């Protein structure tokens, strides 16, 4: 942790859960797990469902800090983070801009590409302007199979694997039910990996890598949260050199987006040459019994309860009142030091 704190020193803590996104059910499971963990450390923690209660009620609770256990829109996308900044309530996870960028798969990939970080080739399809003819040409550029993804959804919601030209239309329509912008992405055949990252700036560190082996390679919503058929290997059985490389890429990807506190970076490891490719980053990962961040923490000797407390320790505002803001400088959300942008 960045500082040793006892449960009572956190004050009154709100665990924000539920919300209004397509991931509400998972968020409720995550939030209840976090609540129990924090209470086991003596934290004065309380549930607050943002899908049922408004900002005025949140302000009236007078929380000293909050643990965001929300997933998807209106909780992980920067909107709630902006409201908490206005209310002056320190919160867990990345700040407003990083949360908004990470929620948008297209913007995330554009930033990673600008920094020469490896990510599959992609095209952006706008539901309002793309034609049927243009859709059928996408496989010519990206090859088959390929992936179609709603740009601003998570937990494998709004995703379609396209095996042939005739599948493009149906897959595209499925994705547009969740977002008007669709990411068409080169399919990387290989091993599915994920790397949780904790901390900020120079203190950011990668936890052990988790390898996911889902039935028939289909790590969908059901296989993520509601079955025991998916197999997990942590630490992932990789050589030391490759493990270090993937962990380093995870931290680079995390910092590139401006993440602080915690997040989880997803990879595909191409089976032909063991080359890793960044897929996406989750800034409010699941904390259920099937979730991957607690699994990685456990492999490092960190209990679920201690993990929740460590994440809570990083709760902060982007800019504290009275912070000296100067153009060309970036202030760490953990308020440790000021670093010049490079």
C-alpha atoms as a PDB file:
ATOM      1  CA  UNK A   1       0.000   0.000   0.000  1.00  0.00           C
ATOM      2  CA  UNK A   2       1.087   3.593  -0.456  1.00  0.00           C
ATOM      3  CA  UNK A   3       0.353   4.218   3.243  1.00  0.00           C
ATOM      4  CA  UNK A   4      -0.588   2.019   6.147  1.00  0.00           C
ATOM      5  CA  UNK A   5      -4.101   2.762   7.343  1.00  0.00           C
ATOM      6  CA  UNK A   6      -6.494   1.052   9.699  1.00  0.00           C
ATOM      7  CA  UNK A   7     -10.170   0.580   8.905  1.00  0.00           C
ATOM      8  CA  UNK A   8     -11.381   3.456  11.072  1.00  0.00           C
ATOM      9  CA  UNK A   9      -8.985   5.933   9.470  1.00  0.00           C
ATOM     10  CA  UNK A  10     -10.861   5.716   6.177  1.00  0.00           C
ATOM     11  CA  UNK A  11     -13.921   7.338   7.745  1.00  0.00           C
ATOM     12  CA  UNK A  12     -17.352   6.652   6.297  1.00  0.00           C
ATOM     13  CA  UNK A  13     -16.941   4.727   3.025  1.00  0.00           C
ATOM     14  CA  UNK A  14     -19.506   4.237   0.298  1.00  0.00           C
ATOM     15  CA  UNK A  15     -19.382   1.140  -1.899  1.00  0.00           C
ATOM     16  CA  UNK A  16     -20.987   2.212  -5.163  1.00  0.00           C
ATOM     17  CA  UNK A  17     -22.660  -0.664  -6.990  1.00  0.00           C
ATOM     18  CA  UNK A  18     -25.545  -1.594  -9.286  1.00  0.00           C
ATOM     19  CA  UNK A  19     -25.913   1.333 -11.624  1.00  0.00           C
ATOM     20  CA  UNK A  20     -27.753   1.380 -14.945  1.00  0.00           C
ATOM     21  CA  UNK A  21     -25.395  -0.383 -17.337  1.00  0.00           C
ATOM     22  CA  UNK A  22     -25.757  -3.790 -18.964  1.00  0.00           C
ATOM     23  CA  UNK A  23     -23.384  -5.058 -16.252  1.00  0.00           C
ATOM     24  CA  UNK A  24     -25.616  -4.181 -13.297  1.00  0.00           C
ATOM     25  CA  UNK A  25     -25.977  -7.793 -12.137  1.00  0.00           C
ATOM     26  CA  UNK A  26     -22.210  -8.326 -11.977  1.00  0.00           C
ATOM     27  CA  UNK A  27     -21.694  -4.974 -10.266  1.00  0.00           C
ATOM     28  CA  UNK A  28     -24.055  -5.977  -7.457  1.00  0.00           C
ATOM     29  CA  UNK A  29     -22.032  -9.150  -6.905  1.00  0.00           C
ATOM     30  CA  UNK A  30     -18.770  -7.175  -6.926  1.00  0.00           C
ATOM     31  CA  UNK A  31     -20.082  -4.523  -4.545  1.00  0.00           C
ATOM     32  CA  UNK A  32     -21.370  -6.972  -1.983  1.00  0.00           C
ATOM     33  CA  UNK A  33     -18.029  -8.783  -1.996  1.00  0.00           C
ATOM     34  CA  UNK A  34     -16.141  -5.521  -1.495  1.00  0.00           C
ATOM     35  CA  UNK A  35     -18.480  -4.446   1.314  1.00  0.00           C
ATOM     36  CA  UNK A  36     -17.906  -7.673   3.240  1.00  0.00           C
ATOM     37  CA  UNK A  37     -14.136  -7.413   2.717  1.00  0.00           C
ATOM     38  CA  UNK A  38     -13.921  -3.825   3.945  1.00  0.00           C
ATOM     39  CA  UNK A  39     -16.079  -4.527   6.971  1.00  0.00           C
ATOM     40  CA  UNK A  40     -13.747  -7.398   7.889  1.00  0.00           C
ATOM     41  CA  UNK A  41     -11.022  -4.754   8.253  1.00  0.00           C
ATOM     42  CA  UNK A  42     -13.200  -2.577  10.459  1.00  0.00           C
ATOM     43  CA  UNK A  43     -14.083  -0.065   7.736  1.00  0.00           C
ATOM     44  CA  UNK A  44     -17.350   1.832   8.227  1.00  0.00           C
ATOM     45  CA  UNK A  45     -18.611   0.791   4.786  1.00  0.00           C
ATOM     46  CA  UNK A  46     -22.098   1.194   3.305  1.00  0.00           C
ATOM     47  CA  UNK A  47     -23.700   0.124   0.014  1.00  0.00           C
ATOM     48  CA  UNK A  48     -25.000   2.797  -2.355  1.00  0.00           C
ATOM     49  CA  UNK A  49     -26.830   1.735  -5.540  1.00  0.00           C
ATOM     50  CA  UNK A  50     -26.373   4.477  -8.134  1.00  0.00           C
ATOM     51  CA  UNK A  51     -29.099   2.919 -10.269  1.00  0.00           C
ATOM     52  CA  UNK A  52     -31.696   3.554  -7.571  1.00  0.00           C
ATOM     53  CA  UNK A  53     -30.414   6.677  -5.819  1.00  0.00           C
ATOM     54  CA  UNK A  54     -29.350  10.048  -7.225  1.00  0.00           C
ATOM     55  CA  UNK A  55     -26.420  12.403  -6.749  1.00  0.00           C
ATOM     56  CA  UNK A  56     -28.249  14.505  -4.163  1.00  0.00           C
ATOM     57  CA  UNK A  57     -28.609  11.412  -1.980  1.00  0.00           C
ATOM     58  CA  UNK A  58     -24.950  10.555  -2.569  1.00  0.00           C
ATOM     59  CA  UNK A  59     -23.924  14.021  -1.389  1.00  0.00           C
ATOM     60  CA  UNK A  60     -26.237  13.740   1.629  1.00  0.00           C
ATOM     61  CA  UNK A  61     -24.490  10.534   2.760  1.00  0.00           C
ATOM     62  CA  UNK A  62     -21.317  12.583   3.408  1.00  0.00           C
ATOM     63  CA  UNK A  63     -18.972   9.755   2.522  1.00  0.00           C
ATOM     64  CA  UNK A  64     -15.298  10.414   3.238  1.00  0.00           C
ATOM     65  CA  UNK A  65     -14.353   8.277   0.206  1.00  0.00           C
ATOM     66  CA  UNK A  66     -15.993   5.752  -2.076  1.00  0.00           C
ATOM     67  CA  UNK A  67     -15.045   2.419  -3.600  1.00  0.00           C
ATOM     68  CA  UNK A  68     -16.380   2.237  -7.156  1.00  0.00           C
ATOM     69  CA  UNK A  69     -17.657  -1.304  -7.794  1.00  0.00           C
ATOM     70  CA  UNK A  70     -19.615  -0.246 -10.883  1.00  0.00           C
ATOM     71  CA  UNK A  71     -18.949  -1.699 -14.324  1.00  0.00           C
ATOM     72  CA  UNK A  72     -19.728  -0.233 -17.728  1.00  0.00           C
ATOM     73  CA  UNK A  73     -21.512   3.002 -18.523  1.00  0.00           C
ATOM     74  CA  UNK A  74     -22.413   5.544 -15.846  1.00  0.00           C
ATOM     75  CA  UNK A  75     -19.821   4.091 -13.490  1.00  0.00           C
ATOM     76  CA  UNK A  76     -16.652   3.180 -15.347  1.00  0.00           C
ATOM     77  CA  UNK A  77     -16.766   5.733 -18.169  1.00  0.00           C
ATOM     78  CA  UNK A  78     -15.782   8.971 -16.421  1.00  0.00           C
ATOM     79  CA  UNK A  79     -19.284  10.334 -15.869  1.00  0.00           C
ATOM     80  CA  UNK A  80     -19.499   9.285 -12.236  1.00  0.00           C
ATOM     81  CA  UNK A  81     -15.870  10.244 -11.658  1.00  0.00           C
ATOM     82  CA  UNK A  82     -16.684  13.776 -12.841  1.00  0.00           C
ATOM     83  CA  UNK A  83     -19.623  13.988 -10.448  1.00  0.00           C
ATOM     84  CA  UNK A  84     -17.460  12.799  -7.551  1.00  0.00           C
ATOM     85  CA  UNK A  85     -14.869  15.451  -8.417  1.00  0.00           C
ATOM     86  CA  UNK A  86     -17.603  18.088  -8.207  1.00  0.00           C
ATOM     87  CA  UNK A  87     -18.835  16.692  -4.896  1.00  0.00           C
ATOM     88  CA  UNK A  88     -15.288  16.506  -3.543  1.00  0.00           C
ATOM     89  CA  UNK A  89     -15.517  12.798  -2.669  1.00  0.00           C
ATOM     90  CA  UNK A  90     -12.264  10.829  -3.207  1.00  0.00           C
ATOM     91  CA  UNK A  91     -12.832   7.677  -5.253  1.00  0.00           C
ATOM     92  CA  UNK A  92     -11.025   4.512  -6.288  1.00  0.00           C
ATOM     93  CA  UNK A  93      -9.653   3.863  -9.749  1.00  0.00           C
ATOM     94  CA  UNK A  94      -8.525   6.184 -12.531  1.00  0.00           C
ATOM     95  CA  UNK A  95      -9.702   9.754 -12.931  1.00  0.00           C
ATOM     96  CA  UNK A  96     -12.209  11.317 -15.308  1.00  0.00           C
ATOM     97  CA  UNK A  97     -10.198  11.389 -18.531  1.00  0.00           C
ATOM     98  CA  UNK A  98      -8.509   7.995 -18.124  1.00  0.00           C
ATOM     99  CA  UNK A  99     -11.841   6.361 -17.280  1.00  0.00           C
ATOM    100  CA  UNK A 100     -13.538   7.909 -20.322  1.00  0.00           C
ATOM    101  CA  UNK A 101     -10.728   6.909 -22.692  1.00  0.00           C
ATOM    102  CA  UNK A 102     -10.428   3.362 -21.391  1.00  0.00           C
ATOM    103  CA  UNK A 103     -14.171   2.817 -21.750  1.00  0.00           C
ATOM    104  CA  UNK A 104     -13.867   3.665 -25.449  1.00  0.00           C
ATOM    105  CA  UNK A 105     -12.089   0.793 -27.216  1.00  0.00           C
ATOM    106  CA  UNK A 106     -11.420   2.907 -30.309  1.00  0.00           C
ATOM    107  CA  UNK A 107      -9.807   5.804 -28.424  1.00  0.00           C
ATOM    108  CA  UNK A 108      -7.787   3.374 -26.317  1.00  0.00           C
ATOM    109  CA  UNK A 109      -6.360   1.685 -29.399  1.00  0.00           C
ATOM    110  CA  UNK A 110      -5.572   5.018 -31.038  1.00  0.00           C
ATOM    111  CA  UNK A 111      -3.518   6.047 -28.021  1.00  0.00           C
ATOM    112  CA  UNK A 112      -1.710   2.707 -27.855  1.00  0.00           C
ATOM    113  CA  UNK A 113      -0.937   2.909 -31.580  1.00  0.00           C
ATOM    114  CA  UNK A 114       0.432   6.444 -31.174  1.00  0.00           C
ATOM    115  CA  UNK A 115       2.873   5.063 -28.595  1.00  0.00           C
ATOM    116  CA  UNK A 116       3.861   2.046 -30.704  1.00  0.00           C
ATOM    117  CA  UNK A 117       2.287  -0.419 -28.282  1.00  0.00           C
ATOM    118  CA  UNK A 118       1.207  -3.659 -29.993  1.00  0.00           C
ATOM    119  CA  UNK A 119      -2.527  -4.010 -30.645  1.00  0.00           C
ATOM    120  CA  UNK A 120      -4.416  -5.801 -33.453  1.00  0.00           C
ATOM    121  CA  UNK A 121      -5.230  -3.922 -36.651  1.00  0.00           C
ATOM    122  CA  UNK A 122      -8.668  -2.317 -36.636  1.00  0.00           C
ATOM    123  CA  UNK A 123     -11.269  -0.278 -38.484  1.00  0.00           C
ATOM    124  CA  UNK A 124     -13.982   2.010 -37.095  1.00  0.00           C
ATOM    125  CA  UNK A 125     -17.529   1.515 -38.370  1.00  0.00           C
ATOM    126  CA  UNK A 126     -20.165   4.209 -37.833  1.00  0.00           C
ATOM    127  CA  UNK A 127     -23.738   2.895 -37.754  1.00  0.00           C
ATOM    128  CA  UNK A 128     -25.015   6.144 -39.291  1.00  0.00           C
ATOM    129  CA  UNK A 129     -22.760   6.202 -42.319  1.00  0.00           C
ATOM    130  CA  UNK A 130     -21.364   2.753 -43.169  1.00  0.00           C
ATOM    131  CA  UNK A 131     -22.949   1.059 -46.181  1.00  0.00           C
ATOM    132  CA  UNK A 132     -23.657  -2.632 -46.727  1.00  0.00           C
ATOM    133  CA  UNK A 133     -21.014  -2.679 -49.453  1.00  0.00           C
ATOM    134  CA  UNK A 134     -18.425  -1.169 -47.113  1.00  0.00           C
ATOM    135  CA  UNK A 135     -19.259  -3.746 -44.451  1.00  0.00           C
ATOM    136  CA  UNK A 136     -18.581  -6.574 -46.870  1.00  0.00           C
ATOM    137  CA  UNK A 137     -15.161  -5.096 -47.680  1.00  0.00           C
ATOM    138  CA  UNK A 138     -13.958  -5.127 -44.044  1.00  0.00           C
ATOM    139  CA  UNK A 139     -12.781  -8.786 -44.187  1.00  0.00           C
ATOM    140  CA  UNK A 140     -10.624  -7.898 -47.209  1.00  0.00           C
ATOM    141  CA  UNK A 141      -8.641  -5.547 -44.965  1.00  0.00           C
ATOM    142  CA  UNK A 142      -8.619  -7.402 -41.650  1.00  0.00           C
ATOM    143  CA  UNK A 143      -8.936 -10.992 -42.840  1.00  0.00           C
ATOM    144  CA  UNK A 144     -11.212 -13.711 -41.486  1.00  0.00           C
ATOM    145  CA  UNK A 145     -12.208 -14.468 -38.878  1.00  0.00           C
ATOM    146  CA  UNK A 146     -12.453 -10.998 -37.316  1.00  0.00           C
ATOM    147  CA  UNK A 147     -14.068  -9.437 -34.254  1.00  0.00           C
ATOM    148  CA  UNK A 148     -16.804  -6.804 -34.108  1.00  0.00           C
ATOM    149  CA  UNK A 149     -17.161  -4.959 -30.814  1.00  0.00           C
ATOM    150  CA  UNK A 150     -19.431  -2.220 -29.480  1.00  0.00           C
ATOM    151  CA  UNK A 151     -16.878   0.487 -28.749  1.00  0.00           C
ATOM    152  CA  UNK A 152     -18.170   1.464 -25.307  1.00  0.00           C
ATOM    153  CA  UNK A 153     -19.373  -1.713 -23.625  1.00  0.00           C
ATOM    154  CA  UNK A 154     -17.608  -4.242 -21.418  1.00  0.00           C
ATOM    155  CA  UNK A 155     -17.789  -7.814 -20.085  1.00  0.00           C
ATOM    156  CA  UNK A 156     -17.914  -9.201 -23.640  1.00  0.00           C
ATOM    157  CA  UNK A 157     -21.307  -7.518 -24.153  1.00  0.00           C
ATOM    158  CA  UNK A 158     -21.955  -6.402 -27.737  1.00  0.00           C
ATOM    159  CA  UNK A 159     -19.248  -8.583 -29.300  1.00  0.00           C
ATOM    160  CA  UNK A 160     -19.521 -10.795 -32.367  1.00  0.00           C
ATOM    161  CA  UNK A 161     -16.982 -13.107 -34.033  1.00  0.00           C
ATOM    162  CA  UNK A 162     -17.319 -12.973 -37.813  1.00  0.00           C
ATOM    163  CA  UNK A 163     -16.317 -16.191 -39.582  1.00  0.00           C
ATOM    164  CA  UNK A 164     -17.392 -15.306 -43.120  1.00  0.00           C
ATOM    165  CA  UNK A 165     -18.506 -12.415 -45.338  1.00  0.00           C
ATOM    166  CA  UNK A 166     -22.156 -13.329 -44.862  1.00  0.00           C
ATOM    167  CA  UNK A 167     -21.823 -12.884 -41.073  1.00  0.00           C
ATOM    168  CA  UNK A 168     -20.814  -9.221 -41.240  1.00  0.00           C
ATOM    169  CA  UNK A 169     -24.312  -7.780 -41.433  1.00  0.00           C
ATOM    170  CA  UNK A 170     -25.770  -9.785 -38.562  1.00  0.00           C
ATOM    171  CA  UNK A 171     -22.711  -9.210 -36.359  1.00  0.00           C
ATOM    172  CA  UNK A 172     -22.761  -5.485 -37.048  1.00  0.00           C
ATOM    173  CA  UNK A 173     -26.462  -5.181 -36.171  1.00  0.00           C
ATOM    174  CA  UNK A 174     -25.836  -7.023 -32.884  1.00  0.00           C
ATOM    175  CA  UNK A 175     -23.093  -4.569 -31.913  1.00  0.00           C
ATOM    176  CA  UNK A 176     -25.134  -1.496 -32.848  1.00  0.00           C
ATOM    177  CA  UNK A 177     -27.740  -2.508 -30.266  1.00  0.00           C
ATOM    178  CA  UNK A 178     -25.182  -1.384 -27.697  1.00  0.00           C
ATOM    179  CA  UNK A 179     -23.277   1.402 -29.477  1.00  0.00           C
ATOM    180  CA  UNK A 180     -23.476   3.396 -32.678  1.00  0.00           C
ATOM    181  CA  UNK A 181     -19.700   3.075 -33.103  1.00  0.00           C
ATOM    182  CA  UNK A 182     -18.389  -0.428 -33.792  1.00  0.00           C
ATOM    183  CA  UNK A 183     -14.779  -1.549 -33.676  1.00  0.00           C
ATOM    184  CA  UNK A 184     -13.803  -4.099 -36.337  1.00  0.00           C
ATOM    185  CA  UNK A 185     -10.635  -5.835 -35.166  1.00  0.00           C
ATOM    186  CA  UNK A 186      -8.168  -8.334 -36.584  1.00  0.00           C
ATOM    187  CA  UNK A 187      -8.609 -11.703 -34.892  1.00  0.00           C
ATOM    188  CA  UNK A 188      -5.532 -12.910 -33.036  1.00  0.00           C
ATOM    189  CA  UNK A 189      -5.573 -16.675 -32.583  1.00  0.00           C
ATOM    190  CA  UNK A 190      -3.773 -17.764 -29.450  1.00  0.00           C
ATOM    191  CA  UNK A 191      -3.811 -17.660 -25.656  1.00  0.00           C
ATOM    192  CA  UNK A 192      -5.958 -15.217 -23.699  1.00  0.00           C
ATOM    193  CA  UNK A 193      -4.146 -13.409 -20.867  1.00  0.00           C
ATOM    194  CA  UNK A 194      -4.926 -10.633 -18.425  1.00  0.00           C
ATOM    195  CA  UNK A 195      -2.709  -8.557 -16.144  1.00  0.00           C
ATOM    196  CA  UNK A 196      -3.996  -6.499 -13.185  1.00  0.00           C
ATOM    197  CA  UNK A 197      -2.019  -3.349 -12.406  1.00  0.00           C
ATOM    198  CA  UNK A 198      -2.039  -1.501  -9.080  1.00  0.00           C
ATOM    199  CA  UNK A 199      -0.659   1.900  -8.120  1.00  0.00           C
ATOM    200  CA  UNK A 200       0.294   5.097  -9.914  1.00  0.00           C
ATOM    201  CA  UNK A 201       3.290   6.525 -11.715  1.00  0.00           C
ATOM    202  CA  UNK A 202       6.564   4.919 -10.677  1.00  0.00           C
ATOM    203  CA  UNK A 203       4.769   2.834  -8.048  1.00  0.00           C
ATOM    204  CA  UNK A 204       2.520   1.107 -10.614  1.00  0.00           C
ATOM    205  CA  UNK A 205       3.126  -2.620 -10.571  1.00  0.00           C
ATOM    206  CA  UNK A 206       1.756  -5.616 -12.422  1.00  0.00           C
ATOM    207  CA  UNK A 207       0.323  -8.560 -10.501  1.00  0.00           C
ATOM    208  CA  UNK A 208       0.813 -12.134 -11.743  1.00  0.00           C
ATOM    209  CA  UNK A 209      -0.523 -12.902 -15.225  1.00  0.00           C
ATOM    210  CA  UNK A 210      -3.728 -14.925 -15.512  1.00  0.00           C
ATOM    211  CA  UNK A 211      -4.310 -17.232 -18.482  1.00  0.00           C
ATOM    212  CA  UNK A 212      -7.948 -17.890 -19.390  1.00  0.00           C
ATOM    213  CA  UNK A 213      -8.991 -21.090 -21.142  1.00  0.00           C
ATOM    214  CA  UNK A 214     -12.702 -20.906 -21.894  1.00  0.00           C
ATOM    215  CA  UNK A 215     -14.825 -23.686 -23.446  1.00  0.00           C
ATOM    216  CA  UNK A 216     -14.153 -23.649 -27.217  1.00  0.00           C
ATOM    217  CA  UNK A 217     -12.192 -20.429 -26.673  1.00  0.00           C
ATOM    218  CA  UNK A 218     -15.429 -18.514 -26.019  1.00  0.00           C
ATOM    219  CA  UNK A 219     -14.897 -16.316 -22.963  1.00  0.00           C
ATOM    220  CA  UNK A 220     -18.360 -14.765 -23.103  1.00  0.00           C
ATOM    221  CA  UNK A 221     -20.525 -13.187 -20.392  1.00  0.00           C
ATOM    222  CA  UNK A 222     -21.866 -16.552 -19.213  1.00  0.00           C
ATOM    223  CA  UNK A 223     -18.452 -18.213 -19.096  1.00  0.00           C
ATOM    224  CA  UNK A 224     -16.996 -15.205 -17.275  1.00  0.00           C
ATOM    225  CA  UNK A 225     -19.364 -15.051 -14.347  1.00  0.00           C
ATOM    226  CA  UNK A 226     -21.811 -17.921 -14.133  1.00  0.00           C
ATOM    227  CA  UNK A 227     -20.114 -21.236 -14.945  1.00  0.00           C
ATOM    228  CA  UNK A 228     -17.188 -23.248 -13.658  1.00  0.00           C
ATOM    229  CA  UNK A 229     -16.237 -24.545 -17.112  1.00  0.00           C
ATOM    230  CA  UNK A 230     -13.628 -21.861 -17.765  1.00  0.00           C
ATOM    231  CA  UNK A 231     -10.136 -22.777 -16.547  1.00  0.00           C
ATOM    232  CA  UNK A 232      -7.683 -20.266 -15.117  1.00  0.00           C
ATOM    233  CA  UNK A 233      -3.919 -20.560 -14.685  1.00  0.00           C
ATOM    234  CA  UNK A 234      -2.182 -18.090 -12.399  1.00  0.00           C
ATOM    235  CA  UNK A 235       0.650 -17.365 -12.696  1.00  0.00           C
ATOM    236  CA  UNK A 236       0.253 -18.168 -16.394  1.00  0.00           C
ATOM    237  CA  UNK A 237       2.664 -20.867 -17.588  1.00  0.00           C
ATOM    238  CA  UNK A 238       5.001 -18.616 -19.571  1.00  0.00           C
ATOM    239  CA  UNK A 239       8.769 -18.337 -19.596  1.00  0.00           C
ATOM    240  CA  UNK A 240      10.409 -15.711 -17.380  1.00  0.00           C
ATOM    241  CA  UNK A 241      11.419 -13.447 -20.290  1.00  0.00           C
ATOM    242  CA  UNK A 242       7.961 -13.470 -21.864  1.00  0.00           C
ATOM    243  CA  UNK A 243       6.301 -12.955 -18.476  1.00  0.00           C
ATOM    244  CA  UNK A 244       8.442  -9.884 -17.812  1.00  0.00           C
ATOM    245  CA  UNK A 245       7.715  -8.504 -21.276  1.00  0.00           C
ATOM    246  CA  UNK A 246       3.952  -8.867 -20.919  1.00  0.00           C
ATOM    247  CA  UNK A 247       3.963  -7.337 -17.438  1.00  0.00           C
ATOM    248  CA  UNK A 248       6.015  -4.406 -18.724  1.00  0.00           C
ATOM    249  CA  UNK A 249       3.600  -3.886 -21.628  1.00  0.00           C
ATOM    250  CA  UNK A 250       0.670  -3.952 -19.195  1.00  0.00           C
ATOM    251  CA  UNK A 251       2.173  -1.173 -17.083  1.00  0.00           C
ATOM    252  CA  UNK A 252       3.045   0.847 -20.202  1.00  0.00           C
ATOM    253  CA  UNK A 253      -0.507   0.477 -21.538  1.00  0.00           C
ATOM    254  CA  UNK A 254      -1.916   1.463 -18.123  1.00  0.00           C
ATOM    255  CA  UNK A 255       0.235   4.603 -17.927  1.00  0.00           C
ATOM    256  CA  UNK A 256      -0.425   5.520 -21.572  1.00  0.00           C
ATOM    257  CA  UNK A 257      -4.125   5.903 -20.818  1.00  0.00           C
ATOM    258  CA  UNK A 258      -3.351   7.837 -17.621  1.00  0.00           C
ATOM    259  CA  UNK A 259      -4.603   5.145 -15.233  1.00  0.00           C
ATOM    260  CA  UNK A 260      -4.017   5.294 -11.486  1.00  0.00           C
ATOM    261  CA  UNK A 261      -5.211   3.201  -8.569  1.00  0.00           C
ATOM    262  CA  UNK A 262      -6.015  -0.033 -10.354  1.00  0.00           C
ATOM    263  CA  UNK A 263      -7.068  -1.544 -13.664  1.00  0.00           C
ATOM    264  CA  UNK A 264      -6.797  -4.782 -15.642  1.00  0.00           C
ATOM    265  CA  UNK A 265      -5.114  -5.068 -19.034  1.00  0.00           C
ATOM    266  CA  UNK A 266      -6.230  -7.807 -21.453  1.00  0.00           C
ATOM    267  CA  UNK A 267      -3.951  -9.475 -24.019  1.00  0.00           C
ATOM    268  CA  UNK A 268      -3.935 -12.087 -26.749  1.00  0.00           C
ATOM    269  CA  UNK A 269      -0.716 -14.058 -27.171  1.00  0.00           C
ATOM    270  CA  UNK A 270      -0.429 -15.090 -30.834  1.00  0.00           C
ATOM    271  CA  UNK A 271       0.116 -18.826 -31.108  1.00  0.00           C
ATOM    272  CA  UNK A 272       2.412 -18.716 -34.148  1.00  0.00           C
ATOM    273  CA  UNK A 273       5.181 -16.634 -32.566  1.00  0.00           C
ATOM    274  CA  UNK A 274       4.225 -15.818 -28.928  1.00  0.00           C
ATOM    275  CA  UNK A 275       3.786 -12.131 -29.763  1.00  0.00           C
ATOM    276  CA  UNK A 276       1.515 -10.318 -27.243  1.00  0.00           C
ATOM    277  CA  UNK A 277      -1.195  -7.924 -28.423  1.00  0.00           C
ATOM    278  CA  UNK A 278      -3.080  -5.452 -26.224  1.00  0.00           C
ATOM    279  CA  UNK A 279      -6.848  -5.895 -26.503  1.00  0.00           C
ATOM    280  CA  UNK A 280      -8.424  -3.547 -23.955  1.00  0.00           C
ATOM    281  CA  UNK A 281      -8.158  -2.132 -20.451  1.00  0.00           C
ATOM    282  CA  UNK A 282     -10.768  -2.278 -17.680  1.00  0.00           C
ATOM    283  CA  UNK A 283     -10.655   0.528 -15.116  1.00  0.00           C
ATOM    284  CA  UNK A 284     -13.215  -0.946 -12.708  1.00  0.00           C
ATOM    285  CA  UNK A 285     -12.686  -4.711 -13.005  1.00  0.00           C
ATOM    286  CA  UNK A 286     -14.983  -7.329 -11.535  1.00  0.00           C
ATOM    287  CA  UNK A 287     -14.558  -8.321  -7.908  1.00  0.00           C
ATOM    288  CA  UNK A 288     -16.794 -11.417  -7.875  1.00  0.00           C
ATOM    289  CA  UNK A 289     -15.922 -14.994  -6.952  1.00  0.00           C
ATOM    290  CA  UNK A 290     -14.955 -15.604 -10.600  1.00  0.00           C
ATOM    291  CA  UNK A 291     -13.013 -12.364 -11.038  1.00  0.00           C
ATOM    292  CA  UNK A 292      -9.430 -12.172 -12.222  1.00  0.00           C
ATOM    293  CA  UNK A 293      -7.886  -9.363 -10.177  1.00  0.00           C
ATOM    294  CA  UNK A 294      -8.501 -11.168  -6.850  1.00  0.00           C
ATOM    295  CA  UNK A 295      -7.137 -14.352  -8.453  1.00  0.00           C
ATOM    296  CA  UNK A 296      -3.896 -12.621  -9.442  1.00  0.00           C
ATOM    297  CA  UNK A 297      -3.590 -10.952  -6.045  1.00  0.00           C
ATOM    298  CA  UNK A 298      -4.002 -14.313  -4.310  1.00  0.00           C
ATOM    299  CA  UNK A 299      -1.132 -15.715  -6.387  1.00  0.00           C
ATOM    300  CA  UNK A 300       1.031 -12.929  -4.959  1.00  0.00           C
ATOM    301  CA  UNK A 301      -0.081 -13.687  -1.405  1.00  0.00           C
ATOM    302  CA  UNK A 302      -2.621 -10.854  -1.146  1.00  0.00           C
ATOM    303  CA  UNK A 303      -6.021 -11.871   0.231  1.00  0.00           C
ATOM    304  CA  UNK A 304      -9.275 -10.568  -1.249  1.00  0.00           C
ATOM    305  CA  UNK A 305      -9.829  -8.528   1.924  1.00  0.00           C
ATOM    306  CA  UNK A 306      -6.360  -6.962   1.819  1.00  0.00           C
ATOM    307  CA  UNK A 307      -6.709  -6.257  -1.904  1.00  0.00           C
ATOM    308  CA  UNK A 308      -9.927  -4.305  -1.335  1.00  0.00           C
ATOM    309  CA  UNK A 309      -8.277  -2.314   1.431  1.00  0.00           C
ATOM    310  CA  UNK A 310      -5.254  -1.535  -0.764  1.00  0.00           C
ATOM    311  CA  UNK A 311      -7.470  -0.321  -3.605  1.00  0.00           C
ATOM    312  CA  UNK A 312      -9.386   1.858  -1.139  1.00  0.00           C
ATOM    313  CA  UNK A 313      -6.103   3.331   0.083  1.00  0.00           C
ATOM    314  CA  UNK A 314      -5.528   4.784  -3.397  1.00  0.00           C
ATOM    315  CA  UNK A 315      -8.881   6.627  -3.386  1.00  0.00           C
ATOM    316  CA  UNK A 316      -8.312  10.282  -4.221  1.00  0.00           C
ATOM    317  CA  UNK A 317      -9.452  13.252  -6.279  1.00  0.00           C
ATOM    318  CA  UNK A 318      -7.693  14.270  -9.504  1.00  0.00           C
ATOM    319  CA  UNK A 319      -6.898  17.688  -8.103  1.00  0.00           C
ATOM    320  CA  UNK A 320      -7.168  18.506  -4.448  1.00  0.00           C
ATOM    321  CA  UNK A 321      -8.324  22.006  -3.450  1.00  0.00           C
ATOM    322  CA  UNK A 322      -5.425  24.425  -3.516  1.00  0.00           C
ATOM    323  CA  UNK A 323      -3.288  22.326  -5.885  1.00  0.00           C
ATOM    324  CA  UNK A 324      -0.881  24.472  -7.872  1.00  0.00           C
ATOM    325  CA  UNK A 325      -1.872  23.808 -11.481  1.00  0.00           C
ATOM    326  CA  UNK A 326       0.451  24.998 -14.211  1.00  0.00           C
ATOM    327  CA  UNK A 327       0.091  24.435 -17.977  1.00  0.00           C
ATOM    328  CA  UNK A 328       2.376  21.678 -19.227  1.00  0.00           C
ATOM    329  CA  UNK A 329       2.385  19.855 -15.908  1.00  0.00           C
ATOM    330  CA  UNK A 330       0.363  16.829 -14.808  1.00  0.00           C
ATOM    331  CA  UNK A 331      -0.617  16.239 -11.197  1.00  0.00           C
ATOM    332  CA  UNK A 332      -0.733  12.654  -9.995  1.00  0.00           C
ATOM    333  CA  UNK A 333      -4.146  11.646  -8.668  1.00  0.00           C
ATOM    334  CA  UNK A 334      -2.414  10.184  -5.643  1.00  0.00           C
ATOM    335  CA  UNK A 335      -0.990  13.682  -5.061  1.00  0.00           C
ATOM    336  CA  UNK A 336       2.506  12.288  -4.539  1.00  0.00           C
ATOM    337  CA  UNK A 337       4.409  14.517  -6.916  1.00  0.00           C
ATOM    338  CA  UNK A 338       4.112  16.686 -10.005  1.00  0.00           C
ATOM    339  CA  UNK A 339       5.555  15.282 -13.221  1.00  0.00           C
ATOM    340  CA  UNK A 340       6.115  17.032 -16.527  1.00  0.00           C
ATOM    341  CA  UNK A 341       4.286  15.486 -19.467  1.00  0.00           C
ATOM    342  CA  UNK A 342       6.569  13.889 -22.057  1.00  0.00           C
END
